[in-house]
Amino acid sequence: MAPLNEWEPVPVDPGTNILCLASIFEGSGSKACMQLHAVEPPEQVAALVITYTQSPREQLALYENHFDRFPSRTEILHVGGDRRPITVPFDDTAASEVHGEVTIKPVLSATDLTSLGTLITNQLDTWQTTVSDHQIVVCFQSVTDFLQYNSLQATKRFLTEVIKRCADTAAIAHFHMDPKAHDDQTIDALRPLFDVVLEC
């Protein structure tokens, strides 16, 4: 990923949803993830990240390794996390410019789809009103983890609602899925939900 002074936008239309078939822990998966965050300069991006096995610290490390600056606003929903909501403030003006505002919220149960869906919807609605000049980016890590706790049918229903809400708010959303962890039938059942399938 190019540093900020060499930044070039990735051509993805607002409202697009993407299935990213690559493990986030592999180089190709993390590179694709960061490219899909780079649809606008970081100061014009509000990033909503839903993460299961990857910790918030690991997500922030990806930003540090790939960008000169964090997105202007970053909200991390840590599913299975046991911490209270945390806003990371930066008293130093220069540090604030680099890191933006980072908030971490736990979703204690991986099967509590109502709470997770509500948090996603509320954040998208809030940003649609408060930072309408920003591009909202949604990163879901991952469908593979989600399927460990929910049936395929429940997964399809949940993703359908999330994708619709992302499209309604013109968010660019990508959903990670490790193709090595699923049979072709499972992947093929989910492909039609997405505008684009990116195979890394």
Protein backbone atom coordinates (compact mmCIF):
# COMPACT_ATOMS: atom_id res chain seq x y z
CA MET A 1 0.00 0.00 0.00
CA ALA A 2 1.33 3.38 -0.94
CA PRO A 3 2.02 5.89 1.82
CA LEU A 4 -0.34 8.85 2.09
CA ASN A 5 1.70 11.12 -0.17
CA GLU A 6 1.51 8.50 -2.95
CA TRP A 7 -2.12 7.59 -2.30
CA GLU A 8 -4.34 6.70 -5.23
CA PRO A 9 -8.04 5.79 -4.84
CA VAL A 10 -9.30 2.27 -5.39
CA PRO A 11 -12.15 2.36 -7.96
CA VAL A 12 -15.09 1.02 -5.94
CA ASP A 13 -18.51 2.63 -6.10
CA PRO A 14 -20.31 3.64 -2.88
CA GLY A 15 -22.86 1.04 -1.90
CA THR A 16 -20.82 -1.86 -3.29
CA ASN A 17 -20.48 -5.02 -1.20
CA ILE A 18 -17.61 -7.43 -1.76
CA LEU A 19 -16.89 -11.00 -0.69
CA CYS A 20 -13.14 -11.28 -0.18
CA LEU A 21 -12.08 -14.94 -0.48
CA ALA A 22 -8.77 -14.97 1.35
CA SER A 23 -7.68 -15.46 4.92
CA ILE A 24 -7.15 -12.15 6.70
CA PHE A 25 -4.05 -13.72 8.27
CA GLU A 26 -2.43 -14.27 4.86
CA GLY A 27 -0.63 -11.49 3.04
CA SER A 28 -3.11 -11.38 0.19
CA GLY A 29 -6.04 -11.09 2.59
CA SER A 30 -4.62 -8.25 4.64
CA LYS A 31 -3.46 -6.40 1.51
CA ALA A 32 -6.91 -6.66 -0.06
CA CYS A 33 -8.45 -5.49 3.21
CA MET A 34 -6.30 -2.38 3.33
CA GLN A 35 -6.88 -1.63 -0.34
CA LEU A 36 -10.61 -1.72 0.30
CA HIS A 37 -10.11 0.75 3.15
CA ALA A 38 -8.26 3.08 0.78
CA VAL A 39 -11.22 4.16 -1.34
CA GLU A 40 -10.62 7.74 -0.19
CA PRO A 41 -7.77 9.42 1.70
CA PRO A 42 -7.81 8.32 5.36
CA GLU A 43 -9.06 11.69 6.61
CA GLN A 44 -12.20 11.19 4.51
CA VAL A 45 -12.93 7.62 5.67
CA ALA A 46 -15.07 6.35 8.56
CA ALA A 47 -14.28 2.66 9.11
CA LEU A 48 -16.58 0.20 10.86
CA VAL A 49 -14.81 -3.10 11.59
CA ILE A 50 -16.57 -6.20 12.91
CA THR A 51 -14.00 -8.66 14.18
CA TYR A 52 -14.11 -12.04 15.88
CA THR A 53 -10.76 -13.79 16.29
CA GLN A 54 -8.68 -10.81 15.22
CA SER A 55 -8.20 -8.46 18.14
CA PRO A 56 -8.75 -4.70 17.87
CA ARG A 57 -5.01 -4.26 18.45
CA GLU A 58 -4.26 -6.44 15.40
CA GLN A 59 -6.65 -4.36 13.29
CA LEU A 60 -5.02 -1.13 14.39
CA ALA A 61 -1.60 -2.67 13.61
CA LEU A 62 -2.75 -3.22 10.02
CA TYR A 63 -3.49 0.49 9.74
CA GLU A 64 -0.13 1.35 11.25
CA ASN A 65 1.70 -0.95 8.82
CA HIS A 66 -0.09 0.24 5.69
CA PHE A 67 -1.09 3.88 6.18
CA ASP A 68 0.51 7.11 7.30
CA ARG A 69 -2.78 7.87 9.03
CA PHE A 70 -5.68 5.96 10.46
CA PRO A 71 -9.18 6.57 9.08
CA SER A 72 -10.68 9.74 10.52
CA ARG A 73 -13.06 7.59 12.57
CA THR A 74 -12.69 3.92 13.43
CA GLU A 75 -15.33 1.87 15.22
CA ILE A 76 -14.37 -1.71 16.09
CA LEU A 77 -17.08 -4.13 17.19
CA HIS A 78 -15.18 -6.93 18.92
CA VAL A 79 -17.44 -9.97 18.98
CA GLY A 80 -16.67 -12.09 22.01
CA GLY A 81 -14.72 -9.19 23.51
CA ASP A 82 -15.03 -8.68 27.25
CA ARG A 83 -13.98 -5.07 27.48
CA ARG A 84 -16.08 -2.01 28.06
CA PRO A 85 -16.46 0.52 25.22
CA ILE A 86 -13.18 2.40 24.82
CA THR A 87 -12.54 5.66 23.03
CA VAL A 88 -8.86 6.23 22.44
CA PRO A 89 -8.25 9.95 22.95
CA PHE A 90 -5.11 11.73 21.83
CA ASP A 91 -4.26 14.91 23.71
CA ASP A 92 -1.42 15.68 21.35
CA THR A 93 -2.74 17.38 18.21
CA ALA A 94 -0.25 15.66 15.90
CA ALA A 95 -1.10 12.23 17.33
CA SER A 96 -4.81 12.92 16.90
CA GLU A 97 -4.25 13.79 13.25
CA VAL A 98 -2.48 10.46 12.71
CA HIS A 99 -4.82 8.18 14.67
CA GLY A 100 -8.17 9.91 14.35
CA GLU A 101 -10.84 8.70 16.77
CA VAL A 102 -10.84 5.00 17.66
CA THR A 103 -13.73 3.40 19.56
CA ILE A 104 -13.92 -0.27 20.58
CA LYS A 105 -17.22 -1.85 21.60
CA PRO A 106 -17.65 -5.45 22.77
CA VAL A 107 -20.38 -7.84 21.66
CA LEU A 108 -20.15 -10.39 24.42
CA SER A 109 -21.92 -13.30 22.71
CA ALA A 110 -21.10 -14.49 19.21
CA THR A 111 -24.68 -15.73 18.85
CA ASP A 112 -26.29 -12.44 19.92
CA LEU A 113 -27.18 -11.34 16.40
CA THR A 114 -29.72 -8.80 17.61
CA SER A 115 -27.12 -6.80 19.53
CA LEU A 116 -24.59 -7.04 16.72
CA GLY A 117 -27.12 -6.00 14.08
CA THR A 118 -28.29 -3.08 16.21
CA LEU A 119 -24.74 -1.81 16.77
CA ILE A 120 -23.98 -1.99 13.04
CA THR A 121 -27.20 -0.22 12.08
CA ASN A 122 -26.84 2.49 14.73
CA GLN A 123 -23.25 3.28 13.73
CA LEU A 124 -24.08 3.47 10.03
CA ASP A 125 -27.07 5.72 10.76
CA THR A 126 -24.99 7.96 13.02
CA TRP A 127 -22.23 8.42 10.47
CA GLN A 128 -24.69 8.97 7.64
CA THR A 129 -25.91 12.00 9.61
CA THR A 130 -22.76 13.28 11.30
CA VAL A 131 -20.05 12.68 8.70
CA SER A 132 -21.97 12.75 5.45
CA ASP A 133 -18.85 14.05 3.68
CA HIS A 134 -16.92 10.86 4.61
CA GLN A 135 -16.93 7.53 2.81
CA ILE A 136 -18.10 4.79 5.16
CA VAL A 137 -16.11 1.57 4.86
CA VAL A 138 -17.30 -1.64 6.53
CA CYS A 139 -14.97 -4.60 7.13
CA PHE A 140 -16.48 -7.88 8.39
CA GLN A 141 -13.89 -10.32 9.79
CA SER A 142 -15.11 -12.76 9.09
CA VAL A 143 -17.89 -14.82 7.54
CA THR A 144 -15.81 -17.89 8.37
CA ASP A 145 -15.87 -17.02 12.07
CA PHE A 146 -19.57 -16.16 11.90
CA LEU A 147 -20.36 -19.62 10.49
CA GLN A 148 -18.71 -21.26 13.49
CA TYR A 149 -21.53 -19.94 15.67
CA ASN A 150 -24.47 -19.72 13.27
CA SER A 151 -26.12 -21.94 10.67
CA LEU A 152 -25.73 -21.25 6.96
CA GLN A 153 -29.36 -20.10 6.74
CA ALA A 154 -28.96 -17.74 9.70
CA THR A 155 -25.76 -16.43 8.14
CA LYS A 156 -27.51 -15.72 4.84
CA ARG A 157 -30.33 -13.88 6.60
CA PHE A 158 -28.00 -11.78 8.72
CA LEU A 159 -25.64 -10.90 5.88
CA THR A 160 -28.57 -9.98 3.63
CA GLU A 161 -29.75 -7.43 6.21
CA VAL A 162 -26.27 -6.03 6.81
CA ILE A 163 -25.57 -5.74 3.08
CA LYS A 164 -28.88 -3.94 2.54
CA ARG A 165 -28.14 -1.49 5.35
CA CYS A 166 -24.64 -0.84 3.99
CA ALA A 167 -26.07 -0.17 0.52
CA ASP A 168 -28.72 2.16 1.98
CA THR A 169 -25.98 4.27 3.59
CA ALA A 170 -23.70 4.13 0.50
CA ALA A 171 -21.08 2.26 2.53
CA ILE A 172 -18.43 0.21 0.76
CA ALA A 173 -18.49 -3.12 2.58
CA HIS A 174 -16.21 -6.11 2.32
CA PHE A 175 -16.64 -9.46 4.01
CA HIS A 176 -13.71 -11.80 4.57
CA MET A 177 -14.11 -15.54 4.09
CA ASP A 178 -11.36 -18.14 4.17
CA PRO A 179 -12.03 -20.44 1.18
CA LYS A 180 -9.85 -23.16 2.67
CA ALA A 181 -12.22 -23.49 5.62
CA HIS A 182 -15.38 -24.22 3.59
CA ASP A 183 -16.61 -26.57 0.92
CA ASP A 184 -17.68 -25.22 -2.46
CA GLN A 185 -21.35 -25.65 -1.63
CA THR A 186 -21.12 -23.23 1.31
CA ILE A 187 -19.23 -20.62 -0.68
CA ASP A 188 -21.58 -20.95 -3.66
CA ALA A 189 -24.57 -20.46 -1.36
CA LEU A 190 -23.22 -17.07 -0.27
CA ARG A 191 -21.80 -15.75 -3.55
CA PRO A 192 -25.13 -14.42 -4.88
CA LEU A 193 -25.48 -12.07 -1.91
CA PHE A 194 -22.56 -9.92 -3.07
CA ASP A 195 -21.99 -7.47 -5.90
CA VAL A 196 -18.37 -8.56 -6.31
CA VAL A 197 -16.45 -11.70 -5.36
CA LEU A 198 -12.74 -11.02 -4.97
CA GLU A 199 -10.56 -14.13 -5.00
CA CYS A 200 -7.08 -13.40 -3.71
